[in-house]
């Protein structure tokens, strides 16, 4: 049944995108279409030939606006630099940048946004939101998912930040053992199901 849901959602995405021009796609549809293309294109795919042979493709939950939330953003001044264990048994470092508070189904949730430390020049505007939820290991990747955000998004949105879980994606480690992916910290574990964004087929 789950496989049927995944296949149906994927077919709906492709059918919808195929009948629209790029300019007609919603931001969510455009993002998801580009992610599928990224993995499908031999020139951009992060997978090697062996991994491609067992790759089951990128699939999504049906797009649901409920999971696009406007969060109250609270900056963390001089945030601590936190060591993140990775899937490769190594360590990466991220600085706490701020807190995002929002509601889903009337229940308050809080997530911490991070910035890489030290900050790489080409990613000065980039914020990292790793999280886990109650779908992990079931309909989504057991190691959690990521969302990319921008500091400009907060500045241009009067101190609030839009978090669109429909744009949640899996780390490369979901499909390959060759990568070194940060594991979401315990404080970013949501006690609800986020039925949005990328799913996972074992």
C-alpha atoms as a PDB file:
ATOM      1  CA  UNK A   1       0.000   0.000   0.000  1.00  0.00           C
ATOM      2  CA  UNK A   2       2.816   2.437   0.908  1.00  0.00           C
ATOM      3  CA  UNK A   3       4.570   1.766  -2.395  1.00  0.00           C
ATOM      4  CA  UNK A   4       1.305   2.453  -4.198  1.00  0.00           C
ATOM      5  CA  UNK A   5       0.987   5.803  -2.394  1.00  0.00           C
ATOM      6  CA  UNK A   6       4.577   6.749  -3.324  1.00  0.00           C
ATOM      7  CA  UNK A   7       4.111   5.764  -6.967  1.00  0.00           C
ATOM      8  CA  UNK A   8       0.794   7.606  -7.195  1.00  0.00           C
ATOM      9  CA  UNK A   9       2.304  10.754  -5.670  1.00  0.00           C
ATOM     10  CA  UNK A  10       5.238  10.599  -8.067  1.00  0.00           C
ATOM     11  CA  UNK A  11       2.995  10.084 -11.095  1.00  0.00           C
ATOM     12  CA  UNK A  12       0.844  13.020 -10.032  1.00  0.00           C
ATOM     13  CA  UNK A  13       3.946  15.194  -9.719  1.00  0.00           C
ATOM     14  CA  UNK A  14       5.252  14.238 -13.150  1.00  0.00           C
ATOM     15  CA  UNK A  15       1.825  14.575 -14.776  1.00  0.00           C
ATOM     16  CA  UNK A  16       1.304  17.989 -13.216  1.00  0.00           C
ATOM     17  CA  UNK A  17       4.763  19.220 -14.178  1.00  0.00           C
ATOM     18  CA  UNK A  18       4.536  17.823 -17.693  1.00  0.00           C
ATOM     19  CA  UNK A  19       1.432  19.872 -18.473  1.00  0.00           C
ATOM     20  CA  UNK A  20       2.911  23.122 -17.190  1.00  0.00           C
ATOM     21  CA  UNK A  21       5.745  25.299 -18.354  1.00  0.00           C
ATOM     22  CA  UNK A  22       8.521  26.114 -15.890  1.00  0.00           C
ATOM     23  CA  UNK A  23       6.998  29.535 -15.272  1.00  0.00           C
ATOM     24  CA  UNK A  24       3.641  27.971 -14.399  1.00  0.00           C
ATOM     25  CA  UNK A  25       5.008  25.669 -11.725  1.00  0.00           C
ATOM     26  CA  UNK A  26       4.510  26.633  -8.096  1.00  0.00           C
ATOM     27  CA  UNK A  27       7.727  27.092  -6.083  1.00  0.00           C
ATOM     28  CA  UNK A  28       7.170  23.703  -4.453  1.00  0.00           C
ATOM     29  CA  UNK A  29       6.547  21.942  -7.778  1.00  0.00           C
ATOM     30  CA  UNK A  30       9.591  23.635  -9.294  1.00  0.00           C
ATOM     31  CA  UNK A  31      11.790  22.608  -6.372  1.00  0.00           C
ATOM     32  CA  UNK A  32      10.636  19.003  -6.466  1.00  0.00           C
ATOM     33  CA  UNK A  33      10.976  18.792 -10.235  1.00  0.00           C
ATOM     34  CA  UNK A  34      14.524  20.159 -10.037  1.00  0.00           C
ATOM     35  CA  UNK A  35      15.448  17.664  -7.306  1.00  0.00           C
ATOM     36  CA  UNK A  36      14.236  14.748  -9.446  1.00  0.00           C
ATOM     37  CA  UNK A  37      16.202  16.126 -12.393  1.00  0.00           C
ATOM     38  CA  UNK A  38      19.329  16.571 -10.253  1.00  0.00           C
ATOM     39  CA  UNK A  39      19.387  12.888  -9.343  1.00  0.00           C
ATOM     40  CA  UNK A  40      18.276  11.709 -12.782  1.00  0.00           C
ATOM     41  CA  UNK A  41      20.821  13.693 -14.796  1.00  0.00           C
ATOM     42  CA  UNK A  42      24.121  11.770 -15.174  1.00  0.00           C
ATOM     43  CA  UNK A  43      25.986  15.093 -15.168  1.00  0.00           C
ATOM     44  CA  UNK A  44      24.665  16.203 -11.765  1.00  0.00           C
ATOM     45  CA  UNK A  45      23.753  12.996  -9.928  1.00  0.00           C
ATOM     46  CA  UNK A  46      25.806  12.491  -6.732  1.00  0.00           C
ATOM     47  CA  UNK A  47      25.554   8.713  -7.211  1.00  0.00           C
ATOM     48  CA  UNK A  48      28.124   6.485  -8.852  1.00  0.00           C
ATOM     49  CA  UNK A  49      27.227   3.796 -11.363  1.00  0.00           C
ATOM     50  CA  UNK A  50      26.821   1.049  -8.772  1.00  0.00           C
ATOM     51  CA  UNK A  51      24.549   3.231  -6.642  1.00  0.00           C
ATOM     52  CA  UNK A  52      22.488   4.249  -9.652  1.00  0.00           C
ATOM     53  CA  UNK A  53      21.785   0.590 -10.407  1.00  0.00           C
ATOM     54  CA  UNK A  54      19.926   0.149  -7.104  1.00  0.00           C
ATOM     55  CA  UNK A  55      18.568   3.690  -6.790  1.00  0.00           C
ATOM     56  CA  UNK A  56      14.767   3.665  -6.538  1.00  0.00           C
ATOM     57  CA  UNK A  57      14.264   7.289  -7.438  1.00  0.00           C
ATOM     58  CA  UNK A  58      13.116  10.421  -5.640  1.00  0.00           C
ATOM     59  CA  UNK A  59       9.533  10.266  -4.395  1.00  0.00           C
ATOM     60  CA  UNK A  60       7.420  12.749  -2.453  1.00  0.00           C
ATOM     61  CA  UNK A  61       4.419  12.993  -0.235  1.00  0.00           C
ATOM     62  CA  UNK A  62       1.542  14.845  -1.949  1.00  0.00           C
ATOM     63  CA  UNK A  63       2.094  18.586  -1.627  1.00  0.00           C
ATOM     64  CA  UNK A  64       0.278  19.869   1.455  1.00  0.00           C
ATOM     65  CA  UNK A  65       0.174  23.581   2.307  1.00  0.00           C
ATOM     66  CA  UNK A  66      -0.412  22.676   5.957  1.00  0.00           C
ATOM     67  CA  UNK A  67       3.281  21.940   6.156  1.00  0.00           C
ATOM     68  CA  UNK A  68       4.307  25.350   4.868  1.00  0.00           C
ATOM     69  CA  UNK A  69       4.464  27.344   8.087  1.00  0.00           C
ATOM     70  CA  UNK A  70       5.306  30.898   9.083  1.00  0.00           C
ATOM     71  CA  UNK A  71       7.585  30.685  12.092  1.00  0.00           C
ATOM     72  CA  UNK A  72       8.500  33.316  14.650  1.00  0.00           C
ATOM     73  CA  UNK A  73      12.263  33.711  14.483  1.00  0.00           C
ATOM     74  CA  UNK A  74      14.369  34.462  17.570  1.00  0.00           C
ATOM     75  CA  UNK A  75      18.066  35.077  16.896  1.00  0.00           C
ATOM     76  CA  UNK A  76      20.665  33.477  19.143  1.00  0.00           C
ATOM     77  CA  UNK A  77      23.385  36.036  19.750  1.00  0.00           C
ATOM     78  CA  UNK A  78      26.859  34.512  19.981  1.00  0.00           C
ATOM     79  CA  UNK A  79      25.372  31.050  19.561  1.00  0.00           C
ATOM     80  CA  UNK A  80      27.415  28.068  20.641  1.00  0.00           C
ATOM     81  CA  UNK A  81      29.285  26.053  18.060  1.00  0.00           C
ATOM     82  CA  UNK A  82      27.948  22.504  18.244  1.00  0.00           C
ATOM     83  CA  UNK A  83      29.731  19.341  17.104  1.00  0.00           C
ATOM     84  CA  UNK A  84      27.520  17.252  14.834  1.00  0.00           C
ATOM     85  CA  UNK A  85      28.371  13.564  14.531  1.00  0.00           C
ATOM     86  CA  UNK A  86      28.079  12.384  10.949  1.00  0.00           C
ATOM     87  CA  UNK A  87      27.051   9.219   9.154  1.00  0.00           C
ATOM     88  CA  UNK A  88      30.732   8.533   8.431  1.00  0.00           C
ATOM     89  CA  UNK A  89      31.691   8.630  12.094  1.00  0.00           C
ATOM     90  CA  UNK A  90      33.326  12.043  11.762  1.00  0.00           C
ATOM     91  CA  UNK A  91      32.395  15.464  13.133  1.00  0.00           C
ATOM     92  CA  UNK A  92      31.152  18.666  11.516  1.00  0.00           C
ATOM     93  CA  UNK A  93      30.586  21.933  13.329  1.00  0.00           C
ATOM     94  CA  UNK A  94      27.601  24.266  13.197  1.00  0.00           C
ATOM     95  CA  UNK A  95      26.781  27.438  15.075  1.00  0.00           C
ATOM     96  CA  UNK A  96      23.341  27.964  16.583  1.00  0.00           C
ATOM     97  CA  UNK A  97      21.817  30.837  14.612  1.00  0.00           C
ATOM     98  CA  UNK A  98      18.264  31.128  15.915  1.00  0.00           C
ATOM     99  CA  UNK A  99      15.023  29.470  16.956  1.00  0.00           C
ATOM    100  CA  UNK A 100      11.943  29.022  14.801  1.00  0.00           C
ATOM    101  CA  UNK A 101       8.595  28.613  16.607  1.00  0.00           C
ATOM    102  CA  UNK A 102       5.519  27.543  14.698  1.00  0.00           C
ATOM    103  CA  UNK A 103       2.295  25.574  14.978  1.00  0.00           C
ATOM    104  CA  UNK A 104       1.102  22.486  13.122  1.00  0.00           C
ATOM    105  CA  UNK A 105      -2.362  21.177  13.955  1.00  0.00           C
ATOM    106  CA  UNK A 106      -2.512  23.596  16.882  1.00  0.00           C
ATOM    107  CA  UNK A 107       0.619  22.188  18.522  1.00  0.00           C
ATOM    108  CA  UNK A 108       3.663  24.403  19.027  1.00  0.00           C
ATOM    109  CA  UNK A 109       6.950  23.196  17.619  1.00  0.00           C
ATOM    110  CA  UNK A 110      10.454  24.648  17.956  1.00  0.00           C
ATOM    111  CA  UNK A 111      13.442  24.025  15.721  1.00  0.00           C
ATOM    112  CA  UNK A 112      16.970  25.428  15.843  1.00  0.00           C
ATOM    113  CA  UNK A 113      18.493  26.910  12.695  1.00  0.00           C
ATOM    114  CA  UNK A 114      22.227  26.477  12.212  1.00  0.00           C
ATOM    115  CA  UNK A 115      25.040  28.073  10.260  1.00  0.00           C
ATOM    116  CA  UNK A 116      28.175  26.180   9.271  1.00  0.00           C
ATOM    117  CA  UNK A 117      31.279  26.935  11.344  1.00  0.00           C
ATOM    118  CA  UNK A 118      33.529  28.293  10.106  1.00  0.00           C
ATOM    119  CA  UNK A 119      31.302  29.870   7.481  1.00  0.00           C
ATOM    120  CA  UNK A 120      32.356  29.124   3.925  1.00  0.00           C
ATOM    121  CA  UNK A 121      32.325  32.328   1.868  1.00  0.00           C
ATOM    122  CA  UNK A 122      30.017  30.988  -0.824  1.00  0.00           C
ATOM    123  CA  UNK A 123      27.482  29.993   1.873  1.00  0.00           C
ATOM    124  CA  UNK A 124      27.449  33.199   3.919  1.00  0.00           C
ATOM    125  CA  UNK A 125      23.680  33.522   3.467  1.00  0.00           C
ATOM    126  CA  UNK A 126      22.900  29.843   3.979  1.00  0.00           C
ATOM    127  CA  UNK A 127      21.125  28.383   7.020  1.00  0.00           C
ATOM    128  CA  UNK A 128      20.866  24.691   7.760  1.00  0.00           C
ATOM    129  CA  UNK A 129      17.753  23.072   9.243  1.00  0.00           C
ATOM    130  CA  UNK A 130      18.223  19.366  10.011  1.00  0.00           C
ATOM    131  CA  UNK A 131      15.314  17.616  11.697  1.00  0.00           C
ATOM    132  CA  UNK A 132      13.737  14.301  12.542  1.00  0.00           C
ATOM    133  CA  UNK A 133      10.061  13.446  13.034  1.00  0.00           C
ATOM    134  CA  UNK A 134       7.799  10.477  13.641  1.00  0.00           C
ATOM    135  CA  UNK A 135       7.914   9.348  10.005  1.00  0.00           C
ATOM    136  CA  UNK A 136      11.637   8.498  10.125  1.00  0.00           C
ATOM    137  CA  UNK A 137      12.391   4.850   9.506  1.00  0.00           C
ATOM    138  CA  UNK A 138       8.857   4.313   8.235  1.00  0.00           C
ATOM    139  CA  UNK A 139       7.895   6.483   5.275  1.00  0.00           C
ATOM    140  CA  UNK A 140      11.010   8.684   5.390  1.00  0.00           C
ATOM    141  CA  UNK A 141      14.740   8.145   5.767  1.00  0.00           C
ATOM    142  CA  UNK A 142      15.698   6.942   9.236  1.00  0.00           C
ATOM    143  CA  UNK A 143      18.555   9.430   9.528  1.00  0.00           C
ATOM    144  CA  UNK A 144      16.306  12.496   9.237  1.00  0.00           C
ATOM    145  CA  UNK A 145      15.913  15.153   6.578  1.00  0.00           C
ATOM    146  CA  UNK A 146      17.196  18.638   5.782  1.00  0.00           C
ATOM    147  CA  UNK A 147      15.756  21.992   4.695  1.00  0.00           C
ATOM    148  CA  UNK A 148      17.839  24.839   3.275  1.00  0.00           C
ATOM    149  CA  UNK A 149      17.006  28.394   4.310  1.00  0.00           C
ATOM    150  CA  UNK A 150      18.413  31.847   3.697  1.00  0.00           C
ATOM    151  CA  UNK A 151      19.280  34.678   6.077  1.00  0.00           C
ATOM    152  CA  UNK A 152      17.763  37.045   3.512  1.00  0.00           C
ATOM    153  CA  UNK A 153      14.442  35.225   3.852  1.00  0.00           C
ATOM    154  CA  UNK A 154      14.316  36.255   7.515  1.00  0.00           C
ATOM    155  CA  UNK A 155      15.426  39.830   6.907  1.00  0.00           C
ATOM    156  CA  UNK A 156      12.865  40.289   4.133  1.00  0.00           C
ATOM    157  CA  UNK A 157      10.054  38.725   6.146  1.00  0.00           C
ATOM    158  CA  UNK A 158      10.027  41.060   9.172  1.00  0.00           C
ATOM    159  CA  UNK A 159      11.744  38.690  11.561  1.00  0.00           C
ATOM    160  CA  UNK A 160       9.743  35.641  10.559  1.00  0.00           C
ATOM    161  CA  UNK A 161      10.832  32.666   8.497  1.00  0.00           C
ATOM    162  CA  UNK A 162       8.813  30.486   6.160  1.00  0.00           C
ATOM    163  CA  UNK A 163       9.585  26.803   6.645  1.00  0.00           C
ATOM    164  CA  UNK A 164       8.221  24.683   3.831  1.00  0.00           C
ATOM    165  CA  UNK A 165       8.457  21.019   4.760  1.00  0.00           C
ATOM    166  CA  UNK A 166       7.321  20.177   1.224  1.00  0.00           C
ATOM    167  CA  UNK A 167      10.919  21.055   0.339  1.00  0.00           C
ATOM    168  CA  UNK A 168      12.459  18.712   2.914  1.00  0.00           C
ATOM    169  CA  UNK A 169      15.032  16.456   1.290  1.00  0.00           C
ATOM    170  CA  UNK A 170      17.198  13.465   2.179  1.00  0.00           C
ATOM    171  CA  UNK A 171      20.941  13.739   2.707  1.00  0.00           C
ATOM    172  CA  UNK A 172      23.090  11.994   0.106  1.00  0.00           C
ATOM    173  CA  UNK A 173      23.728   9.312   2.725  1.00  0.00           C
ATOM    174  CA  UNK A 174      20.205   8.004   2.193  1.00  0.00           C
ATOM    175  CA  UNK A 175      21.387   6.705  -1.172  1.00  0.00           C
ATOM    176  CA  UNK A 176      25.157   6.315  -0.778  1.00  0.00           C
ATOM    177  CA  UNK A 177      27.659   5.291   1.876  1.00  0.00           C
ATOM    178  CA  UNK A 178      30.338   7.508   0.352  1.00  0.00           C
ATOM    179  CA  UNK A 179      29.168  10.759   1.947  1.00  0.00           C
ATOM    180  CA  UNK A 180      29.680  12.406   5.311  1.00  0.00           C
ATOM    181  CA  UNK A 181      26.257  13.694   6.396  1.00  0.00           C
ATOM    182  CA  UNK A 182      25.487  15.537   9.663  1.00  0.00           C
ATOM    183  CA  UNK A 183      23.048  13.711  11.930  1.00  0.00           C
ATOM    184  CA  UNK A 184      20.187  15.977  13.148  1.00  0.00           C
ATOM    185  CA  UNK A 185      20.595  16.856  16.848  1.00  0.00           C
ATOM    186  CA  UNK A 186      18.116  15.654  19.446  1.00  0.00           C
ATOM    187  CA  UNK A 187      16.740  19.145  20.042  1.00  0.00           C
ATOM    188  CA  UNK A 188      15.467  19.181  16.442  1.00  0.00           C
ATOM    189  CA  UNK A 189      13.339  16.077  16.862  1.00  0.00           C
ATOM    190  CA  UNK A 190       9.645  16.742  16.239  1.00  0.00           C
ATOM    191  CA  UNK A 191       7.118  14.525  18.033  1.00  0.00           C
ATOM    192  CA  UNK A 192       4.692  14.654  15.121  1.00  0.00           C
ATOM    193  CA  UNK A 193       4.591  13.190  11.635  1.00  0.00           C
ATOM    194  CA  UNK A 194       5.752  15.536   8.891  1.00  0.00           C
ATOM    195  CA  UNK A 195       4.005  13.954   5.913  1.00  0.00           C
ATOM    196  CA  UNK A 196       5.581  16.321   3.418  1.00  0.00           C
ATOM    197  CA  UNK A 197       8.694  16.494   1.300  1.00  0.00           C
ATOM    198  CA  UNK A 198      10.854  13.603   0.161  1.00  0.00           C
ATOM    199  CA  UNK A 199       9.879  10.068   1.140  1.00  0.00           C
ATOM    200  CA  UNK A 200      12.179   7.053   1.210  1.00  0.00           C
ATOM    201  CA  UNK A 201      12.078   3.585  -0.246  1.00  0.00           C
ATOM    202  CA  UNK A 202      14.473   1.054   1.245  1.00  0.00           C
END
